[in-house]
C-alpha atoms as a PDB file:
ATOM      1  CA  MET A   1     122.664  75.249 328.819  1.00  0.00           C
ATOM      2  CA  LEU A   2     125.506  73.026 327.728  1.00  0.00           C
ATOM      3  CA  TYR A   3     128.683  72.757 329.787  1.00  0.00           C
ATOM      4  CA  GLN A   4     131.980  71.072 328.929  1.00  0.00           C
ATOM      5  CA  VAL A   5     134.015  69.787 331.869  1.00  0.00           C
ATOM      6  CA  THR A   6     137.626  70.980 331.608  1.00  0.00           C
ATOM      7  CA  GLU A   7     138.876  69.922 335.069  1.00  0.00           C
ATOM      8  CA  ILE A   8     137.302  67.942 337.881  1.00  0.00           C
ATOM      9  CA  GLU A   9     138.374  66.588 341.247  1.00  0.00           C
ATOM     10  CA  PHE A  10     136.322  63.868 342.901  1.00  0.00           C
ATOM     11  CA  ASP A  11     136.255  63.102 346.625  1.00  0.00           C
ATOM     12  CA  PHE A  12     137.622  59.558 346.712  1.00  0.00           C
ATOM     13  CA  ASP A  13     138.111  59.743 350.498  1.00  0.00           C
ATOM     14  CA  ASP A  14     134.652  58.213 351.049  1.00  0.00           C
ATOM     15  CA  SER A  15     135.540  55.080 349.090  1.00  0.00           C
ATOM     16  CA  LEU A  16     134.844  51.768 350.815  1.00  0.00           C
ATOM     17  CA  TYR A  17     138.183  50.484 349.546  1.00  0.00           C
ATOM     18  CA  PRO A  18     141.383  52.308 348.623  1.00  0.00           C
ATOM     19  CA  MET A  19     141.440  53.170 344.933  1.00  0.00           C
ATOM     20  CA  THR A  20     144.616  52.856 342.919  1.00  0.00           C
ATOM     21  CA  GLU A  21     145.911  55.793 340.907  1.00  0.00           C
ATOM     22  CA  GLN A  22     144.974  53.863 337.755  1.00  0.00           C
ATOM     23  CA  GLU A  23     141.359  53.520 338.915  1.00  0.00           C
ATOM     24  CA  LYS A  24     141.191  57.215 339.760  1.00  0.00           C
ATOM     25  CA  SER A  25     142.649  58.119 336.357  1.00  0.00           C
ATOM     26  CA  GLU A  26     140.004  56.029 334.641  1.00  0.00           C
ATOM     27  CA  VAL A  27     137.218  57.833 336.509  1.00  0.00           C
ATOM     28  CA  TYR A  28     138.683  61.219 335.577  1.00  0.00           C
ATOM     29  CA  ALA A  29     139.033  60.162 331.943  1.00  0.00           C
ATOM     30  CA  ASP A  30     135.315  59.340 331.870  1.00  0.00           C
ATOM     31  CA  TYR A  31     134.358  62.933 332.747  1.00  0.00           C
ATOM     32  CA  ILE A  32     137.011  65.393 331.568  1.00  0.00           C
ATOM     33  CA  GLY A  33     136.029  66.758 328.177  1.00  0.00           C
ATOM     34  CA  THR A  34     132.439  65.561 328.401  1.00  0.00           C
ATOM     35  CA  THR A  35     129.502  67.842 327.655  1.00  0.00           C
ATOM     36  CA  TRP A  36     126.490  68.035 329.965  1.00  0.00           C
ATOM     37  CA  GLU A  37     123.141  69.770 329.834  1.00  0.00           C
ATOM     38  CA  ALA A  38     122.326  71.565 333.089  1.00  0.00           C
ATOM     39  CA  ASP A  39     120.472  74.625 334.326  1.00  0.00           C
ATOM     40  CA  ASP A  40     123.533  76.152 336.020  1.00  0.00           C
ATOM     41  CA  GLY A  41     126.845  75.226 337.680  1.00  0.00           C
ATOM     42  CA  ASP A  42     125.174  73.773 340.760  1.00  0.00           C
ATOM     43  CA  ASP A  43     122.913  71.607 338.623  1.00  0.00           C
ATOM     44  CA  LEU A  44     125.970  70.449 336.669  1.00  0.00           C
ATOM     45  CA  VAL A  45     127.620  69.280 339.895  1.00  0.00           C
ATOM     46  CA  GLU A  46     124.431  67.414 340.859  1.00  0.00           C
ATOM     47  CA  GLU A  47     124.181  65.760 337.429  1.00  0.00           C
ATOM     48  CA  ILE A  48     127.788  64.531 337.483  1.00  0.00           C
ATOM     49  CA  THR A  49     127.592  63.433 341.123  1.00  0.00           C
ATOM     50  CA  SER A  50     124.474  61.434 340.343  1.00  0.00           C
ATOM     51  CA  ALA A  51     126.012  59.859 337.230  1.00  0.00           C
ATOM     52  CA  SER A  52     129.404  59.067 338.752  1.00  0.00           C
ATOM     53  CA  GLY A  53     128.442  58.196 342.306  1.00  0.00           C
ATOM     54  CA  TRP A  54     131.255  60.441 343.613  1.00  0.00           C
ATOM     55  CA  CYS A  55     131.033  63.814 345.325  1.00  0.00           C
ATOM     56  CA  ILE A  56     132.920  66.596 343.580  1.00  0.00           C
ATOM     57  CA  LYS A  57     135.596  68.596 345.390  1.00  0.00           C
ATOM     58  CA  SER A  58     136.135  71.056 342.541  1.00  0.00           C
ATOM     59  CA  ILE A  59     135.124  71.503 338.930  1.00  0.00           C
ATOM     60  CA  ASP A  60     136.004  73.819 336.060  1.00  0.00           C
ATOM     61  CA  TYR A  61     133.900  74.027 332.945  1.00  0.00           C
ATOM     62  CA  ARG A  62     133.090  76.211 329.984  1.00  0.00           C
ATOM     63  CA  HIS A  63     129.763  77.068 328.428  1.00  0.00           C
ATOM     64  CA  GLN A  64     129.143  75.508 325.036  1.00  0.00           C
ATOM     65  CA  LEU A  65     127.369  77.644 322.487  1.00  0.00           C
ATOM     66  CA  VAL A  66     124.824  75.883 320.382  1.00  0.00           C
END
């Protein structure tokens, strides 16, 4: 299934150095609006976590029809 990320919140608390708001905004911009192929919502979280290197606190998405 295809999923489009509409909102996402990463867990930046585990960062080795404090991130600026600009750096956080850039990470969010890389993922909001993107489309991912995944088996289900849990798989989507795993895919994005693996790609970004950040754990996800919350995510909203919509299914994309092909």
